[in-house]
């Protein structure tokens, strides 16, 4: 993908996420790996108001080299990229249902959401909970980095999800699937639930990776 196309697609995705209520105000951020670094959404700009010419540019060392100042959560994106050589894009949202799940006291920290649907297993897989740190804290980035080699999606406690993908579409589809599964999980609380069995989950992972 050329840098020009990457800029356009970041802005198009940002507008789509914002218009569908998956991000609010100036929350959430998107990045894409380019030939010699990264493009990222700037700090304090709503995803629905992005301008392709006004995205942040970081070099291969993660240093800000052009455009507006990048999101303060750039460290989360870089932590994912540095542990996942195949990652070409990262999306982080404060989407309502997944953020709500991240605030619950009784979810398992090693895998927050049950395998309710096949597409959740295929697009997200296991979802560990990262302990709470303030946004932009280097310790939060380090906590994400320790998990990123084994998980392309994590849920930040009292905050929201961070998802890496081999393409921008893959990252977007995975984080949207995560948010929808979080919504289903909350809708089903208090009901007897029939998640996929371990055998069914293993078959999906064997078939789709």
Protein backbone atom coordinates (compact mmCIF):
# COMPACT_ATOMS: atom_id res chain seq x y z
CA UNK A 1 0.00 0.00 0.00
CA UNK A 2 1.40 3.42 -0.93
CA UNK A 3 1.60 6.11 1.75
CA UNK A 4 -1.01 8.19 -0.09
CA UNK A 5 -3.45 5.28 -0.08
CA UNK A 6 -2.67 4.48 3.56
CA UNK A 7 -3.49 8.06 4.55
CA UNK A 8 -6.80 7.92 2.70
CA UNK A 9 -7.76 4.56 4.19
CA UNK A 10 -6.92 5.61 7.76
CA UNK A 11 -9.23 8.60 7.39
CA UNK A 12 -11.98 6.55 5.75
CA UNK A 13 -11.87 3.99 8.57
CA UNK A 14 -11.80 6.71 11.21
CA UNK A 15 -14.93 8.30 9.76
CA UNK A 16 -16.69 4.93 9.57
CA UNK A 17 -15.86 4.03 13.19
CA UNK A 18 -16.97 7.47 14.39
CA UNK A 19 -20.20 7.51 12.40
CA UNK A 20 -21.16 4.06 13.73
CA UNK A 21 -20.61 5.10 17.35
CA UNK A 22 -17.57 2.89 17.92
CA UNK A 23 -15.53 5.86 19.11
CA UNK A 24 -16.46 9.18 20.69
CA UNK A 25 -14.97 12.65 20.95
CA UNK A 26 -11.25 12.50 20.30
CA UNK A 27 -10.87 8.97 21.69
CA UNK A 28 -9.40 6.07 19.73
CA UNK A 29 -6.43 5.94 17.40
CA UNK A 30 -5.27 4.16 14.23
CA UNK A 31 -1.83 3.46 12.80
CA UNK A 32 -0.41 1.83 9.66
CA UNK A 33 3.11 0.61 9.01
CA UNK A 34 4.67 2.21 5.92
CA UNK A 35 7.99 1.57 4.22
CA UNK A 36 10.19 3.55 6.61
CA UNK A 37 8.03 3.99 9.71
CA UNK A 38 4.41 4.59 10.65
CA UNK A 39 1.45 6.83 10.03
CA UNK A 40 -0.68 7.53 13.12
CA UNK A 41 -3.72 9.57 13.97
CA UNK A 42 -2.86 12.81 15.80
CA UNK A 43 -3.63 13.63 19.40
CA UNK A 44 -6.89 15.41 20.27
CA UNK A 45 -8.47 14.91 16.84
CA UNK A 46 -11.76 13.04 16.43
CA UNK A 47 -11.51 10.00 14.16
CA UNK A 48 -14.46 11.39 12.23
CA UNK A 49 -12.54 14.57 11.35
CA UNK A 50 -9.20 13.20 10.09
CA UNK A 51 -7.43 14.86 7.16
CA UNK A 52 -5.11 12.67 5.03
CA UNK A 53 -2.58 15.52 4.88
CA UNK A 54 -2.65 16.00 8.66
CA UNK A 55 -1.63 12.60 10.02
CA UNK A 56 1.40 12.07 12.25
CA UNK A 57 4.54 10.55 10.74
CA UNK A 58 6.97 8.44 12.77
CA UNK A 59 10.28 7.04 11.55
CA UNK A 60 11.47 3.45 11.92
CA UNK A 61 12.76 4.25 15.41
CA UNK A 62 9.36 5.48 16.54
CA UNK A 63 10.41 9.14 16.53
CA UNK A 64 7.90 11.81 15.52
CA UNK A 65 9.19 13.30 12.27
CA UNK A 66 6.28 15.08 10.59
CA UNK A 67 2.67 16.21 10.78
CA UNK A 68 0.82 17.00 14.00
CA UNK A 69 1.89 15.49 17.32
CA UNK A 70 0.85 11.79 17.38
CA UNK A 71 -1.59 10.26 19.79
CA UNK A 72 -0.22 9.93 23.31
CA UNK A 73 -1.03 6.22 22.98
CA UNK A 74 1.52 5.80 20.17
CA UNK A 75 3.55 3.71 22.63
CA UNK A 76 0.80 1.05 22.59
CA UNK A 77 0.96 0.81 18.81
CA UNK A 78 4.76 0.61 18.77
CA UNK A 79 4.71 -2.10 21.45
CA UNK A 80 2.47 -4.21 19.21
CA UNK A 81 4.55 -3.63 16.09
CA UNK A 82 7.83 -4.44 17.77
CA UNK A 83 6.59 -7.83 18.93
CA UNK A 84 4.62 -8.70 15.79
CA UNK A 85 6.64 -8.56 12.58
CA UNK A 86 3.51 -9.36 10.54
CA UNK A 87 1.48 -6.44 11.94
CA UNK A 88 0.73 -3.79 9.33
CA UNK A 89 -1.92 -1.88 11.27
CA UNK A 90 -3.12 -1.29 14.84
CA UNK A 91 -6.49 0.04 15.99
CA UNK A 92 -7.31 1.14 19.55
CA UNK A 93 -10.84 2.14 20.59
CA UNK A 94 -12.76 3.07 23.73
CA UNK A 95 -15.85 1.36 22.30
CA UNK A 96 -18.69 1.20 24.82
CA UNK A 97 -19.26 -2.53 25.30
CA UNK A 98 -15.64 -3.65 25.31
CA UNK A 99 -14.76 -0.77 27.64
CA UNK A 100 -17.62 -1.87 29.90
CA UNK A 101 -16.31 -5.43 30.00
CA UNK A 102 -12.86 -4.07 30.84
CA UNK A 103 -14.36 -2.59 34.04
CA UNK A 104 -15.94 -5.83 35.30
CA UNK A 105 -14.42 -7.40 38.42
CA UNK A 106 -15.33 -11.00 37.66
CA UNK A 107 -13.82 -11.67 34.22
CA UNK A 108 -10.81 -13.99 33.83
CA UNK A 109 -7.65 -12.01 33.21
CA UNK A 110 -6.07 -14.53 30.86
CA UNK A 111 -9.03 -14.67 28.44
CA UNK A 112 -11.71 -12.09 29.12
CA UNK A 113 -14.52 -13.11 26.75
CA UNK A 114 -15.91 -16.62 26.19
CA UNK A 115 -15.97 -18.08 22.64
CA UNK A 116 -19.57 -17.15 21.89
CA UNK A 117 -19.29 -17.21 18.09
CA UNK A 118 -17.06 -18.76 15.45
CA UNK A 119 -16.05 -15.38 14.05
CA UNK A 120 -14.88 -14.19 17.45
CA UNK A 121 -12.58 -17.21 17.67
CA UNK A 122 -11.38 -16.69 14.09
CA UNK A 123 -10.78 -12.94 14.27
CA UNK A 124 -9.83 -12.36 17.90
CA UNK A 125 -8.98 -15.65 19.57
CA UNK A 126 -7.84 -15.28 23.18
CA UNK A 127 -8.17 -11.86 24.81
CA UNK A 128 -5.98 -11.16 27.86
CA UNK A 129 -6.70 -8.26 30.22
CA UNK A 130 -3.86 -5.76 30.71
CA UNK A 131 -3.80 -4.32 34.27
CA UNK A 132 -4.78 -0.67 34.60
CA UNK A 133 -2.23 2.08 33.92
CA UNK A 134 -2.91 5.72 32.97
CA UNK A 135 -3.17 6.42 29.22
CA UNK A 136 0.23 6.99 27.63
CA UNK A 137 2.09 5.48 30.61
CA UNK A 138 5.30 3.67 29.54
CA UNK A 139 4.41 0.86 31.97
CA UNK A 140 1.18 0.30 30.04
CA UNK A 141 3.15 -0.05 26.81
CA UNK A 142 5.50 -2.52 28.48
CA UNK A 143 2.53 -4.57 29.76
CA UNK A 144 1.13 -4.68 26.22
CA UNK A 145 4.54 -5.60 24.78
CA UNK A 146 4.83 -8.61 27.11
CA UNK A 147 1.57 -10.00 25.68
CA UNK A 148 1.85 -8.88 22.07
CA UNK A 149 4.08 -11.72 20.90
CA UNK A 150 1.36 -14.24 21.77
CA UNK A 151 -1.80 -12.16 21.29
CA UNK A 152 -2.74 -9.75 18.51
CA UNK A 153 -5.63 -8.41 20.62
CA UNK A 154 -5.57 -7.24 24.24
CA UNK A 155 -8.08 -5.46 26.47
CA UNK A 156 -6.79 -2.62 28.65
CA UNK A 157 -8.47 -2.60 32.06
CA UNK A 158 -10.89 0.33 32.54
CA UNK A 159 -9.95 1.55 29.08
CA UNK A 160 -10.57 -0.50 25.89
CA UNK A 161 -9.13 -2.86 23.26
CA UNK A 162 -5.94 -2.69 21.20
CA UNK A 163 -5.83 -4.91 18.09
CA UNK A 164 -3.10 -5.51 15.51
CA UNK A 165 -3.73 -6.93 12.06
CA UNK A 166 -1.81 -8.07 9.00
CA UNK A 167 -3.80 -5.40 7.11
CA UNK A 168 -5.81 -2.36 8.16
CA UNK A 169 -9.00 -4.23 7.22
CA UNK A 170 -8.00 -7.21 9.37
CA UNK A 171 -7.35 -5.03 12.40
CA UNK A 172 -10.64 -3.18 11.89
CA UNK A 173 -12.70 -6.35 11.41
CA UNK A 174 -11.15 -7.93 14.50
CA UNK A 175 -11.81 -4.96 16.79
CA UNK A 176 -15.38 -4.67 15.49
CA UNK A 177 -15.92 -8.40 16.13
CA UNK A 178 -14.48 -7.93 19.63
CA UNK A 179 -16.87 -5.06 20.35
CA UNK A 180 -19.87 -7.04 19.06
CA UNK A 181 -18.90 -10.05 21.19
CA UNK A 182 -18.55 -7.79 24.24
CA UNK A 183 -22.08 -6.53 23.53
CA UNK A 184 -23.39 -10.10 23.28
CA UNK A 185 -21.57 -11.02 26.49
CA UNK A 186 -23.24 -8.18 28.40
CA UNK A 187 -26.66 -8.96 26.91
CA UNK A 188 -26.34 -12.59 27.99
CA UNK A 189 -25.20 -11.96 31.57
CA UNK A 190 -27.64 -13.63 33.94
CA UNK A 191 -28.73 -16.17 31.30
CA UNK A 192 -27.58 -19.74 30.80
CA UNK A 193 -25.07 -19.51 27.95
CA UNK A 194 -23.88 -22.16 25.51
CA UNK A 195 -20.42 -21.04 24.29
CA UNK A 196 -18.48 -23.05 21.75
CA UNK A 197 -16.92 -26.18 23.20
CA UNK A 198 -13.11 -26.56 23.47
CA UNK A 199 -13.31 -29.09 20.63
CA UNK A 200 -15.19 -26.63 18.42
CA UNK A 201 -12.68 -23.88 19.23
CA UNK A 202 -9.75 -26.18 18.43
CA UNK A 203 -11.33 -27.11 15.08
CA UNK A 204 -11.72 -23.44 14.15
CA UNK A 205 -8.13 -22.66 15.11
CA UNK A 206 -6.89 -25.65 13.15
CA UNK A 207 -8.93 -24.72 10.10
CA UNK A 208 -8.47 -20.95 10.07
CA UNK A 209 -5.32 -20.35 12.13
